[in-house]
Amino acid sequence: MNKNLLTIFLYCIPLAMMIGLIPYVQNDYELAFLYIIFIIAIMLTKPKKYDLHALLLGVVVVTLFELLFVSTGVETFRNPSLFHLIPAWLPFLWGYAFVTIKRSLSLLP
């Protein structure tokens, strides 16, 4: 297996674990807190250039678009805890997804 593909797969594992926690942590704010701890631990363990930029871009931009989608009725959530529109953990999941995408794209030719 190509080393870069293996590395990309390894970058995706934390994201899969974060998604896997969703059905087990009922409180949106507790899950958001777990995501924040998870993200800090990962980014301090293996810091890469511009990770924080990608994280912030994902948190801010995707939150704005999620709020737009929900407010127009395109998307709905069962437990909208943040602004009564989206789950509180969703911006952090998207933020780390952006970090994963950024890191993965840097490995592609």
PDB file of N, CA and C in Angstrom:
ATOM      1  N   MET A   1       0.849  -1.189   0.000  1.00  0.00           N
ATOM      2  CA  MET A   1       0.000   0.000   0.000  1.00  0.00           C
ATOM      3  C   MET A   1       0.886   1.241   0.000  1.00  0.00           C
ATOM      4  N   ASN A   2       0.497   2.201  -0.762  1.00  0.00           N
ATOM      5  CA  ASN A   2       1.221   3.455  -0.847  1.00  0.00           C
ATOM      6  C   ASN A   2       1.257   4.123   0.528  1.00  0.00           C
ATOM      7  N   LYS A   3       2.432   4.624   0.920  1.00  0.00           N
ATOM      8  CA  LYS A   3       2.585   5.251   2.238  1.00  0.00           C
ATOM      9  C   LYS A   3       1.660   6.452   2.410  1.00  0.00           C
ATOM     10  N   ASN A   4       1.496   7.254   1.360  1.00  0.00           N
ATOM     11  CA  ASN A   4       0.618   8.425   1.448  1.00  0.00           C
ATOM     12  C   ASN A   4      -0.837   8.029   1.656  1.00  0.00           C
ATOM     13  N   LEU A   5      -1.279   6.954   0.984  1.00  0.00           N
ATOM     14  CA  LEU A   5      -2.660   6.502   1.175  1.00  0.00           C
ATOM     15  C   LEU A   5      -2.878   5.996   2.593  1.00  0.00           C
ATOM     16  N   LEU A   6      -1.886   5.325   3.122  1.00  0.00           N
ATOM     17  CA  LEU A   6      -1.976   4.854   4.510  1.00  0.00           C
ATOM     18  C   LEU A   6      -2.036   6.042   5.472  1.00  0.00           C
ATOM     19  N   THR A   7      -1.232   7.049   5.222  1.00  0.00           N
ATOM     20  CA  THR A   7      -1.242   8.247   6.067  1.00  0.00           C
ATOM     21  C   THR A   7      -2.591   8.954   5.990  1.00  0.00           C
ATOM     22  N   ILE A   8      -3.162   9.055   4.795  1.00  0.00           N
ATOM     23  CA  ILE A   8      -4.486   9.670   4.636  1.00  0.00           C
ATOM     24  C   ILE A   8      -5.521   8.870   5.416  1.00  0.00           C
ATOM     25  N   PHE A   9      -5.443   7.557   5.337  1.00  0.00           N
ATOM     26  CA  PHE A   9      -6.358   6.705   6.100  1.00  0.00           C
ATOM     27  C   PHE A   9      -6.204   6.972   7.598  1.00  0.00           C
ATOM     28  N   LEU A  10      -4.972   7.095   8.059  1.00  0.00           N
ATOM     29  CA  LEU A  10      -4.732   7.359   9.482  1.00  0.00           C
ATOM     30  C   LEU A  10      -5.251   8.741   9.891  1.00  0.00           C
ATOM     31  N   TYR A  11      -5.170   9.714   8.989  1.00  0.00           N
ATOM     32  CA  TYR A  11      -5.725  11.045   9.271  1.00  0.00           C
ATOM     33  C   TYR A  11      -7.247  10.980   9.451  1.00  0.00           C
ATOM     34  N   CYS A  12      -7.880  10.048   8.758  1.00  0.00           N
ATOM     35  CA  CYS A  12      -9.346   9.939   8.807  1.00  0.00           C
ATOM     36  C   CYS A  12      -9.858   9.203  10.050  1.00  0.00           C
ATOM     37  N   ILE A  13      -9.010   8.446  10.711  1.00  0.00           N
ATOM     38  CA  ILE A  13      -9.455   7.674  11.879  1.00  0.00           C
ATOM     39  C   ILE A  13     -10.020   8.566  12.984  1.00  0.00           C
ATOM     40  N   PRO A  14      -9.341   9.655  13.387  1.00  0.00           N
ATOM     41  CA  PRO A  14      -9.943  10.498  14.428  1.00  0.00           C
ATOM     42  C   PRO A  14     -11.310  11.054  14.031  1.00  0.00           C
ATOM     43  N   LEU A  15     -11.459  11.390  12.770  1.00  0.00           N
ATOM     44  CA  LEU A  15     -12.743  11.900  12.281  1.00  0.00           C
ATOM     45  C   LEU A  15     -13.824  10.819  12.400  1.00  0.00           C
ATOM     46  N   ALA A  16     -13.475   9.602  12.033  1.00  0.00           N
ATOM     47  CA  ALA A  16     -14.423   8.492  12.156  1.00  0.00           C
ATOM     48  C   ALA A  16     -14.774   8.241  13.626  1.00  0.00           C
ATOM     49  N   MET A  17     -13.788   8.367  14.508  1.00  0.00           N
ATOM     50  CA  MET A  17     -14.053   8.185  15.936  1.00  0.00           C
ATOM     51  C   MET A  17     -14.983   9.280  16.462  1.00  0.00           C
ATOM     52  N   MET A  18     -14.770  10.501  16.002  1.00  0.00           N
ATOM     53  CA  MET A  18     -15.628  11.612  16.423  1.00  0.00           C
ATOM     54  C   MET A  18     -17.067  11.360  15.979  1.00  0.00           C
ATOM     55  N   ILE A  19     -17.245  10.929  14.754  1.00  0.00           N
ATOM     56  CA  ILE A  19     -18.584  10.631  14.248  1.00  0.00           C
ATOM     57  C   ILE A  19     -19.188   9.463  15.028  1.00  0.00           C
ATOM     58  N   GLY A  20     -18.352   8.484  15.356  1.00  0.00           N
ATOM     59  CA  GLY A  20     -18.822   7.326  16.107  1.00  0.00           C
ATOM     60  C   GLY A  20     -19.314   7.655  17.508  1.00  0.00           C
ATOM     61  N   LEU A  21     -18.854   8.756  18.075  1.00  0.00           N
ATOM     62  CA  LEU A  21     -19.298   9.162  19.411  1.00  0.00           C
ATOM     63  C   LEU A  21     -20.700   9.759  19.430  1.00  0.00           C
ATOM     64  N   ILE A  22     -21.180  10.218  18.304  1.00  0.00           N
ATOM     65  CA  ILE A  22     -22.451  10.951  18.246  1.00  0.00           C
ATOM     66  C   ILE A  22     -23.610  10.195  18.895  1.00  0.00           C
ATOM     67  N   PRO A  23     -23.821   8.910  18.594  1.00  0.00           N
ATOM     68  CA  PRO A  23     -24.971   8.242  19.216  1.00  0.00           C
ATOM     69  C   PRO A  23     -24.785   7.939  20.708  1.00  0.00           C
ATOM     70  N   TYR A  24     -23.554   7.996  21.191  1.00  0.00           N
ATOM     71  CA  TYR A  24     -23.274   7.607  22.568  1.00  0.00           C
ATOM     72  C   TYR A  24     -23.247   8.763  23.556  1.00  0.00           C
ATOM     73  N   VAL A  25     -23.012   9.973  23.067  1.00  0.00           N
ATOM     74  CA  VAL A  25     -22.977  11.143  23.952  1.00  0.00           C
ATOM     75  C   VAL A  25     -24.233  11.959  23.642  1.00  0.00           C
ATOM     76  N   GLN A  26     -25.186  11.908  24.549  1.00  0.00           N
ATOM     77  CA  GLN A  26     -26.496  12.511  24.301  1.00  0.00           C
ATOM     78  C   GLN A  26     -26.497  14.034  24.407  1.00  0.00           C
ATOM     79  N   ASN A  27     -25.656  14.576  25.264  1.00  0.00           N
ATOM     80  CA  ASN A  27     -25.624  16.020  25.471  1.00  0.00           C
ATOM     81  C   ASN A  27     -24.734  16.667  24.416  1.00  0.00           C
ATOM     82  N   ASP A  28     -25.299  17.561  23.623  1.00  0.00           N
ATOM     83  CA  ASP A  28     -24.554  18.205  22.530  1.00  0.00           C
ATOM     84  C   ASP A  28     -23.356  18.998  23.036  1.00  0.00           C
ATOM     85  N   TYR A  29     -23.507  19.639  24.183  1.00  0.00           N
ATOM     86  CA  TYR A  29     -22.413  20.460  24.711  1.00  0.00           C
ATOM     87  C   TYR A  29     -21.285  19.587  25.257  1.00  0.00           C
ATOM     88  N   GLU A  30     -21.625  18.459  25.836  1.00  0.00           N
ATOM     89  CA  GLU A  30     -20.591  17.511  26.284  1.00  0.00           C
ATOM     90  C   GLU A  30     -19.823  16.961  25.085  1.00  0.00           C
ATOM     91  N   LEU A  31     -20.555  16.633  24.026  1.00  0.00           N
ATOM     92  CA  LEU A  31     -19.903  16.128  22.819  1.00  0.00           C
ATOM     93  C   LEU A  31     -19.019  17.209  22.194  1.00  0.00           C
ATOM     94  N   ALA A  32     -19.479  18.438  22.173  1.00  0.00           N
ATOM     95  CA  ALA A  32     -18.659  19.541  21.653  1.00  0.00           C
ATOM     96  C   ALA A  32     -17.391  19.681  22.486  1.00  0.00           C
ATOM     97  N   PHE A  33     -17.513  19.563  23.810  1.00  0.00           N
ATOM     98  CA  PHE A  33     -16.348  19.649  24.685  1.00  0.00           C
ATOM     99  C   PHE A  33     -15.378  18.501  24.405  1.00  0.00           C
ATOM    100  N   LEU A  34     -15.894  17.290  24.229  1.00  0.00           N
ATOM    101  CA  LEU A  34     -15.036  16.146  23.891  1.00  0.00           C
ATOM    102  C   LEU A  34     -14.320  16.382  22.568  1.00  0.00           C
ATOM    103  N   TYR A  35     -15.038  16.917  21.585  1.00  0.00           N
ATOM    104  CA  TYR A  35     -14.425  17.218  20.290  1.00  0.00           C
ATOM    105  C   TYR A  35     -13.298  18.242  20.445  1.00  0.00           C
ATOM    106  N   ILE A  36     -13.523  19.263  21.257  1.00  0.00           N
ATOM    107  CA  ILE A  36     -12.502  20.293  21.461  1.00  0.00           C
ATOM    108  C   ILE A  36     -11.257  19.673  22.087  1.00  0.00           C
ATOM    109  N   ILE A  37     -11.442  18.841  23.101  1.00  0.00           N
ATOM    110  CA  ILE A  37     -10.308  18.161  23.746  1.00  0.00           C
ATOM    111  C   ILE A  37      -9.595  17.269  22.740  1.00  0.00           C
ATOM    112  N   PHE A  38     -10.349  16.524  21.960  1.00  0.00           N
ATOM    113  CA  PHE A  38      -9.821  15.640  20.935  1.00  0.00           C
ATOM    114  C   PHE A  38      -8.978  16.427  19.928  1.00  0.00           C
ATOM    115  N   ILE A  39      -9.526  17.524  19.442  1.00  0.00           N
ATOM    116  CA  ILE A  39      -8.850  18.347  18.436  1.00  0.00           C
ATOM    117  C   ILE A  39      -7.565  18.947  19.002  1.00  0.00           C
ATOM    118  N   ILE A  40      -7.624  19.467  20.215  1.00  0.00           N
ATOM    119  CA  ILE A  40      -6.430  20.049  20.837  1.00  0.00           C
ATOM    120  C   ILE A  40      -5.348  18.989  20.976  1.00  0.00           C
ATOM    121  N   ALA A  41      -5.722  17.810  21.457  1.00  0.00           N
ATOM    122  CA  ALA A  41      -4.742  16.730  21.637  1.00  0.00           C
ATOM    123  C   ALA A  41      -4.092  16.348  20.312  1.00  0.00           C
ATOM    124  N   ILE A  42      -4.890  16.198  19.275  1.00  0.00           N
ATOM    125  CA  ILE A  42      -4.353  15.810  17.964  1.00  0.00           C
ATOM    126  C   ILE A  42      -3.455  16.905  17.399  1.00  0.00           C
ATOM    127  N   MET A  43      -3.900  18.132  17.494  1.00  0.00           N
ATOM    128  CA  MET A  43      -3.137  19.221  16.884  1.00  0.00           C
ATOM    129  C   MET A  43      -1.866  19.546  17.676  1.00  0.00           C
ATOM    130  N   LEU A  44      -1.836  19.253  18.962  1.00  0.00           N
ATOM    131  CA  LEU A  44      -0.609  19.448  19.732  1.00  0.00           C
ATOM    132  C   LEU A  44       0.362  18.289  19.544  1.00  0.00           C
ATOM    133  N   THR A  45      -0.186  17.100  19.296  1.00  0.00           N
ATOM    134  CA  THR A  45       0.653  15.912  19.114  1.00  0.00           C
ATOM    135  C   THR A  45       1.383  15.948  17.782  1.00  0.00           C
ATOM    136  N   LYS A  46       0.667  16.262  16.741  1.00  0.00           N
ATOM    137  CA  LYS A  46       1.238  16.288  15.388  1.00  0.00           C
ATOM    138  C   LYS A  46       0.891  17.595  14.699  1.00  0.00           C
ATOM    139  N   PRO A  47       1.498  18.696  15.134  1.00  0.00           N
ATOM    140  CA  PRO A  47       1.151  19.977  14.502  1.00  0.00           C
ATOM    141  C   PRO A  47       1.673  20.053  13.063  1.00  0.00           C
ATOM    142  N   LYS A  48       0.844  20.589  12.205  1.00  0.00           N
ATOM    143  CA  LYS A  48       1.211  20.824  10.808  1.00  0.00           C
ATOM    144  C   LYS A  48       0.934  22.291  10.493  1.00  0.00           C
ATOM    145  N   LYS A  49       1.687  22.801   9.546  1.00  0.00           N
ATOM    146  CA  LYS A  49       1.547  24.200   9.160  1.00  0.00           C
ATOM    147  C   LYS A  49       0.123  24.467   8.651  1.00  0.00           C
ATOM    148  N   TYR A  50      -0.462  25.545   9.103  1.00  0.00           N
ATOM    149  CA  TYR A  50      -1.782  26.029   8.706  1.00  0.00           C
ATOM    150  C   TYR A  50      -2.942  25.162   9.193  1.00  0.00           C
ATOM    151  N   ASP A  51      -2.702  24.239  10.120  1.00  0.00           N
ATOM    152  CA  ASP A  51      -3.805  23.455  10.677  1.00  0.00           C
ATOM    153  C   ASP A  51      -4.818  24.344  11.380  1.00  0.00           C
ATOM    154  N   LEU A  52      -4.323  25.302  12.148  1.00  0.00           N
ATOM    155  CA  LEU A  52      -5.239  26.176  12.884  1.00  0.00           C
ATOM    156  C   LEU A  52      -6.085  27.009  11.920  1.00  0.00           C
ATOM    157  N   HIS A  53      -5.486  27.432  10.820  1.00  0.00           N
ATOM    158  CA  HIS A  53      -6.230  28.182   9.803  1.00  0.00           C
ATOM    159  C   HIS A  53      -7.353  27.326   9.220  1.00  0.00           C
ATOM    160  N   ALA A  54      -7.023  26.078   8.897  1.00  0.00           N
ATOM    161  CA  ALA A  54      -8.031  25.173   8.334  1.00  0.00           C
ATOM    162  C   ALA A  54      -9.135  24.909   9.351  1.00  0.00           C
ATOM    163  N   LEU A  55      -8.757  24.717  10.611  1.00  0.00           N
ATOM    164  CA  LEU A  55      -9.738  24.476  11.666  1.00  0.00           C
ATOM    165  C   LEU A  55     -10.698  25.655  11.802  1.00  0.00           C
ATOM    166  N   LEU A  56     -10.141  26.842  11.898  1.00  0.00           N
ATOM    167  CA  LEU A  56     -10.979  28.032  12.055  1.00  0.00           C
ATOM    168  C   LEU A  56     -11.857  28.272  10.826  1.00  0.00           C
ATOM    169  N   LEU A  57     -11.308  28.048   9.642  1.00  0.00           N
ATOM    170  CA  LEU A  57     -12.088  28.191   8.417  1.00  0.00           C
ATOM    171  C   LEU A  57     -13.267  27.223   8.426  1.00  0.00           C
ATOM    172  N   GLY A  58     -13.005  25.982   8.794  1.00  0.00           N
ATOM    173  CA  GLY A  58     -14.070  24.991   8.851  1.00  0.00           C
ATOM    174  C   GLY A  58     -15.131  25.342   9.880  1.00  0.00           C
ATOM    175  N   VAL A  59     -14.701  25.760  11.055  1.00  0.00           N
ATOM    176  CA  VAL A  59     -15.649  26.101  12.119  1.00  0.00           C
ATOM    177  C   VAL A  59     -16.519  27.281  11.703  1.00  0.00           C
ATOM    178  N   VAL A  60     -15.910  28.337  11.216  1.00  0.00           N
ATOM    179  CA  VAL A  60     -16.655  29.561  10.914  1.00  0.00           C
ATOM    180  C   VAL A  60     -17.475  29.436   9.629  1.00  0.00           C
ATOM    181  N   VAL A  61     -16.839  29.066   8.540  1.00  0.00           N
ATOM    182  CA  VAL A  61     -17.522  29.048   7.239  1.00  0.00           C
ATOM    183  C   VAL A  61     -18.631  28.006   7.210  1.00  0.00           C
ATOM    184  N   VAL A  62     -18.332  26.803   7.650  1.00  0.00           N
ATOM    185  CA  VAL A  62     -19.357  25.765   7.577  1.00  0.00           C
ATOM    186  C   VAL A  62     -20.491  26.048   8.554  1.00  0.00           C
ATOM    187  N   THR A  63     -20.185  26.631   9.705  1.00  0.00           N
ATOM    188  CA  THR A  63     -21.256  26.999  10.634  1.00  0.00           C
ATOM    189  C   THR A  63     -22.199  28.001   9.974  1.00  0.00           C
ATOM    190  N   LEU A  64     -21.636  28.977   9.303  1.00  0.00           N
ATOM    191  CA  LEU A  64     -22.482  29.965   8.611  1.00  0.00           C
ATOM    192  C   LEU A  64     -23.356  29.296   7.549  1.00  0.00           C
ATOM    193  N   PHE A  65     -22.776  28.379   6.781  1.00  0.00           N
ATOM    194  CA  PHE A  65     -23.565  27.703   5.750  1.00  0.00           C
ATOM    195  C   PHE A  65     -24.589  26.751   6.351  1.00  0.00           C
ATOM    196  N   GLU A  66     -24.238  26.061   7.432  1.00  0.00           N
ATOM    197  CA  GLU A  66     -25.207  25.192   8.102  1.00  0.00           C
ATOM    198  C   GLU A  66     -26.378  26.020   8.619  1.00  0.00           C
ATOM    199  N   LEU A  67     -26.078  27.162   9.218  1.00  0.00           N
ATOM    200  CA  LEU A  67     -27.149  28.032   9.709  1.00  0.00           C
ATOM    201  C   LEU A  67     -28.031  28.500   8.560  1.00  0.00           C
ATOM    202  N   LEU A  68     -27.424  28.817   7.415  1.00  0.00           N
ATOM    203  CA  LEU A  68     -28.189  29.221   6.237  1.00  0.00           C
ATOM    204  C   LEU A  68     -29.070  28.071   5.752  1.00  0.00           C
ATOM    205  N   PHE A  69     -28.501  26.876   5.630  1.00  0.00           N
ATOM    206  CA  PHE A  69     -29.265  25.723   5.162  1.00  0.00           C
ATOM    207  C   PHE A  69     -30.449  25.438   6.072  1.00  0.00           C
ATOM    208  N   VAL A  70     -30.206  25.455   7.377  1.00  0.00           N
ATOM    209  CA  VAL A  70     -31.274  25.147   8.324  1.00  0.00           C
ATOM    210  C   VAL A  70     -32.350  26.236   8.308  1.00  0.00           C
ATOM    211  N   SER A  71     -31.925  27.484   8.242  1.00  0.00           N
ATOM    212  CA  SER A  71     -32.906  28.580   8.265  1.00  0.00           C
ATOM    213  C   SER A  71     -33.780  28.611   7.009  1.00  0.00           C
ATOM    214  N   THR A  72     -33.294  28.042   5.905  1.00  0.00           N
ATOM    215  CA  THR A  72     -34.086  27.993   4.682  1.00  0.00           C
ATOM    216  C   THR A  72     -34.882  26.697   4.561  1.00  0.00           C
ATOM    217  N   GLY A  73     -34.695  25.782   5.507  1.00  0.00           N
ATOM    218  CA  GLY A  73     -35.425  24.521   5.495  1.00  0.00           C
ATOM    219  C   GLY A  73     -34.774  23.431   4.667  1.00  0.00           C
ATOM    220  N   VAL A  74     -33.609  23.686   4.109  1.00  0.00           N
ATOM    221  CA  VAL A  74     -32.912  22.683   3.311  1.00  0.00           C
ATOM    222  C   VAL A  74     -32.454  21.523   4.193  1.00  0.00           C
ATOM    223  N   GLU A  75     -32.147  21.824   5.438  1.00  0.00           N
ATOM    224  CA  GLU A  75     -31.597  20.834   6.355  1.00  0.00           C
ATOM    225  C   GLU A  75     -32.260  21.018   7.718  1.00  0.00           C
ATOM    226  N   THR A  76     -32.440  19.920   8.450  1.00  0.00           N
ATOM    227  CA  THR A  76     -32.984  20.006   9.809  1.00  0.00           C
ATOM    228  C   THR A  76     -32.221  19.054  10.713  1.00  0.00           C
ATOM    229  N   PHE A  77     -32.226  19.361  12.008  1.00  0.00           N
ATOM    230  CA  PHE A  77     -31.587  18.511  13.005  1.00  0.00           C
ATOM    231  C   PHE A  77     -32.572  18.212  14.117  1.00  0.00           C
ATOM    232  N   ARG A  78     -32.449  17.039  14.705  1.00  0.00           N
ATOM    233  CA  ARG A  78     -33.339  16.648  15.801  1.00  0.00           C
ATOM    234  C   ARG A  78     -33.064  17.418  17.079  1.00  0.00           C
ATOM    235  N   ASN A  79     -31.794  17.678  17.354  1.00  0.00           N
ATOM    236  CA  ASN A  79     -31.410  18.355  18.603  1.00  0.00           C
ATOM    237  C   ASN A  79     -30.636  19.631  18.298  1.00  0.00           C
ATOM    238  N   PRO A  80     -31.295  20.652  17.844  1.00  0.00           N
ATOM    239  CA  PRO A  80     -30.581  21.887  17.504  1.00  0.00           C
ATOM    240  C   PRO A  80     -30.265  22.725  18.752  1.00  0.00           C
ATOM    241  N   SER A  81     -29.063  22.568  19.277  1.00  0.00           N
ATOM    242  CA  SER A  81     -28.702  23.239  20.526  1.00  0.00           C
ATOM    243  C   SER A  81     -27.957  24.557  20.328  1.00  0.00           C
ATOM    244  N   LEU A  82     -27.315  24.750  19.196  1.00  0.00           N
ATOM    245  CA  LEU A  82     -26.563  25.982  18.942  1.00  0.00           C
ATOM    246  C   LEU A  82     -27.438  26.925  18.135  1.00  0.00           C
ATOM    247  N   PHE A  83     -27.788  28.059  18.711  1.00  0.00           N
ATOM    248  CA  PHE A  83     -28.697  29.033  18.097  1.00  0.00           C
ATOM    249  C   PHE A  83     -30.058  28.410  17.780  1.00  0.00           C
ATOM    250  N   HIS A  84     -30.382  27.308  18.416  1.00  0.00           N
ATOM    251  CA  HIS A  84     -31.617  26.568  18.189  1.00  0.00           C
ATOM    252  C   HIS A  84     -31.751  26.131  16.730  1.00  0.00           C
ATOM    253  N   LEU A  85     -30.610  25.960  16.065  1.00  0.00           N
ATOM    254  CA  LEU A  85     -30.639  25.571  14.659  1.00  0.00           C
ATOM    255  C   LEU A  85     -29.800  24.336  14.343  1.00  0.00           C
ATOM    256  N   ILE A  86     -28.597  24.254  14.927  1.00  0.00           N
ATOM    257  CA  ILE A  86     -27.699  23.128  14.647  1.00  0.00           C
ATOM    258  C   ILE A  86     -27.152  22.563  15.955  1.00  0.00           C
ATOM    259  N   PRO A  87     -26.657  21.321  15.951  1.00  0.00           N
ATOM    260  CA  PRO A  87     -26.037  20.772  17.154  1.00  0.00           C
ATOM    261  C   PRO A  87     -24.751  21.542  17.498  1.00  0.00           C
ATOM    262  N   ALA A  88     -24.478  21.698  18.768  1.00  0.00           N
ATOM    263  CA  ALA A  88     -23.310  22.464  19.219  1.00  0.00           C
ATOM    264  C   ALA A  88     -21.991  21.823  18.790  1.00  0.00           C
ATOM    265  N   TRP A  89     -21.978  20.522  18.588  1.00  0.00           N
ATOM    266  CA  TRP A  89     -20.748  19.825  18.230  1.00  0.00           C
ATOM    267  C   TRP A  89     -20.418  19.922  16.737  1.00  0.00           C
ATOM    268  N   LEU A  90     -21.410  20.238  15.906  1.00  0.00           N
ATOM    269  CA  LEU A  90     -21.223  20.199  14.452  1.00  0.00           C
ATOM    270  C   LEU A  90     -20.113  21.119  13.927  1.00  0.00           C
ATOM    271  N   PRO A  91     -19.995  22.357  14.403  1.00  0.00           N
ATOM    272  CA  PRO A  91     -18.899  23.191  13.894  1.00  0.00           C
ATOM    273  C   PRO A  91     -17.516  22.604  14.167  1.00  0.00           C
ATOM    274  N   PHE A  92     -17.359  21.925  15.288  1.00  0.00           N
ATOM    275  CA  PHE A  92     -16.059  21.348  15.624  1.00  0.00           C
ATOM    276  C   PHE A  92     -15.763  20.115  14.777  1.00  0.00           C
ATOM    277  N   LEU A  93     -16.798  19.355  14.482  1.00  0.00           N
ATOM    278  CA  LEU A  93     -16.627  18.207  13.590  1.00  0.00           C
ATOM    279  C   LEU A  93     -16.214  18.690  12.202  1.00  0.00           C
ATOM    280  N   TRP A  94     -16.905  19.718  11.698  1.00  0.00           N
ATOM    281  CA  TRP A  94     -16.543  20.275  10.400  1.00  0.00           C
ATOM    282  C   TRP A  94     -15.148  20.896  10.428  1.00  0.00           C
ATOM    283  N   GLY A  95     -14.829  21.576  11.506  1.00  0.00           N
ATOM    284  CA  GLY A  95     -13.501  22.183  11.624  1.00  0.00           C
ATOM    285  C   GLY A  95     -12.402  21.154  11.511  1.00  0.00           C
ATOM    286  N   TYR A  96     -12.559  20.045  12.253  1.00  0.00           N
ATOM    287  CA  TYR A  96     -11.524  19.013  12.173  1.00  0.00           C
ATOM    288  C   TYR A  96     -11.560  18.318  10.815  1.00  0.00           C
ATOM    289  N   ALA A  97     -12.729  18.218  10.195  1.00  0.00           N
ATOM    290  CA  ALA A  97     -12.802  17.651   8.843  1.00  0.00           C
ATOM    291  C   ALA A  97     -11.959  18.489   7.876  1.00  0.00           C
ATOM    292  N   PHE A  98     -12.009  19.811   8.029  1.00  0.00           N
ATOM    293  CA  PHE A  98     -11.184  20.678   7.190  1.00  0.00           C
ATOM    294  C   PHE A  98      -9.693  20.406   7.419  1.00  0.00           C
ATOM    295  N   VAL A  99      -9.304  20.199   8.664  1.00  0.00           N
ATOM    296  CA  VAL A  99      -7.905  19.880   8.970  1.00  0.00           C
ATOM    297  C   VAL A  99      -7.522  18.571   8.289  1.00  0.00           C
ATOM    298  N   THR A 100      -8.390  17.572   8.373  1.00  0.00           N
ATOM    299  CA  THR A 100      -8.123  16.275   7.752  1.00  0.00           C
ATOM    300  C   THR A 100      -7.998  16.422   6.240  1.00  0.00           C
ATOM    301  N   ILE A 101      -8.889  17.195   5.643  1.00  0.00           N
ATOM    302  CA  ILE A 101      -8.834  17.417   4.200  1.00  0.00           C
ATOM    303  C   ILE A 101      -7.547  18.143   3.816  1.00  0.00           C
ATOM    304  N   LYS A 102      -7.187  19.181   4.575  1.00  0.00           N
ATOM    305  CA  LYS A 102      -5.963  19.933   4.279  1.00  0.00           C
ATOM    306  C   LYS A 102      -4.737  19.027   4.354  1.00  0.00           C
ATOM    307  N   ARG A 103      -4.659  18.257   5.428  1.00  0.00           N
ATOM    308  CA  ARG A 103      -3.521  17.357   5.596  1.00  0.00           C
ATOM    309  C   ARG A 103      -3.477  16.304   4.482  1.00  0.00           C
ATOM    310  N   SER A 104      -4.628  15.779   4.122  1.00  0.00           N
ATOM    311  CA  SER A 104      -4.683  14.739   3.092  1.00  0.00           C
ATOM    312  C   SER A 104      -4.302  15.293   1.729  1.00  0.00           C
ATOM    313  N   LEU A 105      -4.800  16.487   1.395  1.00  0.00           N
ATOM    314  CA  LEU A 105      -4.472  17.078   0.102  1.00  0.00           C
ATOM    315  C   LEU A 105      -2.976  17.365  -0.026  1.00  0.00           C
ATOM    316  N   SER A 106      -2.320  17.666   1.095  1.00  0.00           N
ATOM    317  CA  SER A 106      -0.888  17.955   1.030  1.00  0.00           C
ATOM    318  C   SER A 106      -0.065  16.715   0.666  1.00  0.00           C
ATOM    319  N   LEU A 107      -0.660  15.524   0.784  1.00  0.00           N
ATOM    320  CA  LEU A 107       0.043  14.291   0.470  1.00  0.00           C
ATOM    321  C   LEU A 107      -0.193  13.803  -0.953  1.00  0.00           C
ATOM    322  N   LEU A 108      -1.190  14.383  -1.611  1.00  0.00           N
ATOM    323  CA  LEU A 108      -1.491  13.945  -2.970  1.00  0.00           C
ATOM    324  C   LEU A 108      -0.543  14.597  -3.967  1.00  0.00           C
ATOM    325  N   PRO A 109      -0.256  13.875  -5.054  1.00  0.00           N
ATOM    326  CA  PRO A 109       0.687  14.441  -6.060  1.00  0.00           C
ATOM    327  C   PRO A 109       0.099  15.621  -6.801  1.00  0.00           C
TER     328      PRO A 109
END
